[in-house]
Amino acid sequence: MGVTYYHMVVGEVDLDQVFHALADGTRRDIVVRTLRDEYSVSALSRLYPMTFAAVQKHVAVLERAHLVTKRRSGREQLVTGNVETIRHAARLLDQLEIVWRDRLDRFGDLLAEEDGGDPA
């Protein structure tokens, strides 16, 4: 039996890229901060024990995954979180939770049948 691989693309959002981007703690923190407020890349770089260039790279990964958007304001690059992408990822996780709960319910029914009980 083969493994089924689900590559999810919703609109322009590649959920594989989203989850890859969110796999890193610094990037998750950047997303949370930028969902609350707009930050310049230089302001973000002061929040983490890494170079400006490293923070820029993290922001670029988030931008490719559509988790943040950047806009120029004078000399600064301002970063804002994209809640719509988070909603796409949340919907997928909700669907996976439903599948998992259904499996647990079926497992409970099987156990009840083995005990001679009524599965309902």
Protein backbone atom coordinates (compact mmCIF):
# COMPACT_ATOMS: atom_id res chain seq x y z
CA MET A 1 0.00 0.00 0.00
CA GLY A 2 1.48 3.35 -1.04
CA VAL A 3 1.64 6.54 0.92
CA THR A 4 -0.68 9.32 -0.20
CA TYR A 5 0.99 12.72 -0.30
CA TYR A 6 -1.23 15.74 -0.12
CA HIS A 7 0.25 18.83 -1.70
CA MET A 8 -2.21 21.59 -0.93
CA VAL A 9 -2.37 24.80 -2.93
CA VAL A 10 -5.23 27.17 -2.11
CA GLY A 11 -5.35 30.17 -4.42
CA GLU A 12 -1.78 31.44 -4.43
CA VAL A 13 -1.00 29.81 -1.08
CA ASP A 14 1.14 26.67 -1.10
CA LEU A 15 0.43 25.13 2.30
CA ASP A 16 3.65 23.09 2.14
CA GLN A 17 5.54 26.41 2.05
CA VAL A 18 3.36 27.76 4.86
CA PHE A 19 4.08 24.86 7.19
CA HIS A 20 7.77 24.86 6.23
CA ALA A 21 7.95 28.56 7.10
CA LEU A 22 6.11 28.03 10.38
CA ALA A 23 8.44 25.19 11.37
CA ASP A 24 10.96 27.77 12.62
CA GLY A 25 10.34 29.45 15.98
CA THR A 26 11.73 32.82 14.93
CA ARG A 27 9.49 32.90 11.88
CA ARG A 28 6.45 31.95 13.97
CA ASP A 29 7.28 34.80 16.33
CA ILE A 30 7.64 37.24 13.43
CA VAL A 31 4.23 36.18 12.11
CA VAL A 32 2.58 36.66 15.51
CA ARG A 33 4.17 40.09 15.95
CA THR A 34 3.28 41.26 12.45
CA LEU A 35 -0.30 40.09 12.78
CA ARG A 36 -0.59 42.40 15.79
CA ASP A 37 1.25 45.38 14.32
CA GLU A 38 3.34 46.47 11.34
CA TYR A 39 7.12 46.30 11.86
CA SER A 40 10.05 47.47 9.82
CA VAL A 41 12.62 44.79 9.04
CA SER A 42 15.18 46.79 11.02
CA ALA A 43 12.85 46.92 14.06
CA LEU A 44 12.35 43.17 13.79
CA SER A 45 16.10 42.61 13.58
CA ARG A 46 16.57 44.33 16.95
CA LEU A 47 14.26 41.78 18.59
CA TYR A 48 16.34 38.68 17.80
CA PRO A 49 19.90 37.62 18.60
CA MET A 50 20.89 37.42 14.93
CA THR A 51 22.09 39.67 12.17
CA PHE A 52 19.88 41.97 10.13
CA ALA A 53 20.61 39.77 7.09
CA ALA A 54 19.38 36.67 8.94
CA VAL A 55 16.12 38.40 9.87
CA GLN A 56 15.76 39.55 6.26
CA LYS A 57 16.08 35.92 5.15
CA HIS A 58 13.41 34.82 7.64
CA VAL A 59 11.08 37.55 6.36
CA ALA A 60 11.76 36.46 2.77
CA VAL A 61 10.73 32.87 3.60
CA LEU A 62 7.56 34.18 5.23
CA GLU A 63 6.85 36.42 2.25
CA ARG A 64 7.26 33.54 -0.24
CA ALA A 65 4.76 31.55 1.85
CA HIS A 66 2.35 34.53 1.81
CA LEU A 67 2.44 34.69 5.62
CA VAL A 68 3.60 38.31 5.53
CA THR A 69 3.62 41.13 3.04
CA LYS A 70 6.22 43.87 2.72
CA ARG A 71 5.73 47.40 1.56
CA ARG A 72 8.20 50.20 1.21
CA SER A 73 7.77 53.38 3.23
CA GLY A 74 10.64 55.72 2.46
CA ARG A 75 13.82 53.81 3.20
CA GLU A 76 12.11 51.17 5.34
CA GLN A 77 10.54 47.86 4.42
CA LEU A 78 7.38 47.43 6.53
CA VAL A 79 6.17 43.91 7.26
CA THR A 80 2.56 42.97 7.98
CA GLY A 81 1.15 39.53 8.78
CA ASN A 82 -1.34 37.97 6.39
CA VAL A 83 -4.26 36.55 8.38
CA GLU A 84 -5.86 35.02 5.29
CA THR A 85 -2.96 32.60 4.84
CA ILE A 86 -3.23 31.63 8.51
CA ARG A 87 -6.94 30.94 7.92
CA HIS A 88 -6.12 28.62 4.99
CA ALA A 89 -3.70 26.66 7.17
CA ALA A 90 -6.20 26.56 10.04
CA ARG A 91 -8.90 25.16 7.74
CA LEU A 92 -6.58 22.35 6.68
CA LEU A 93 -5.75 21.57 10.31
CA ASP A 94 -9.46 21.59 11.16
CA GLN A 95 -10.09 19.07 8.37
CA LEU A 96 -7.29 16.86 9.64
CA GLU A 97 -8.71 17.03 13.15
CA ILE A 98 -12.11 15.85 11.85
CA VAL A 99 -10.44 12.90 10.12
CA TRP A 100 -8.55 12.02 13.30
CA ARG A 101 -11.65 12.31 15.51
CA ASP A 102 -13.59 10.06 13.11
CA ARG A 103 -10.81 7.47 13.34
CA LEU A 104 -10.88 7.62 17.14
CA ASP A 105 -14.67 7.21 17.11
CA ARG A 106 -14.37 4.14 14.86
CA PHE A 107 -11.64 2.75 17.10
CA GLY A 108 -13.90 3.24 20.13
CA ASP A 109 -16.71 1.42 18.31
CA LEU A 110 -14.38 -1.52 17.56
CA LEU A 111 -13.29 -1.73 21.19
CA ALA A 112 -16.91 -1.68 22.34
CA GLU A 113 -17.75 -4.49 19.91
CA GLU A 114 -14.85 -6.60 21.22
CA ASP A 115 -16.13 -6.12 24.78
CA GLY A 116 -19.55 -7.26 23.61
CA GLY A 117 -21.01 -3.84 24.28
CA ASP A 118 -23.18 -1.72 22.07
CA PRO A 119 -21.08 0.73 20.00
CA ALA A 120 -23.79 3.41 20.22
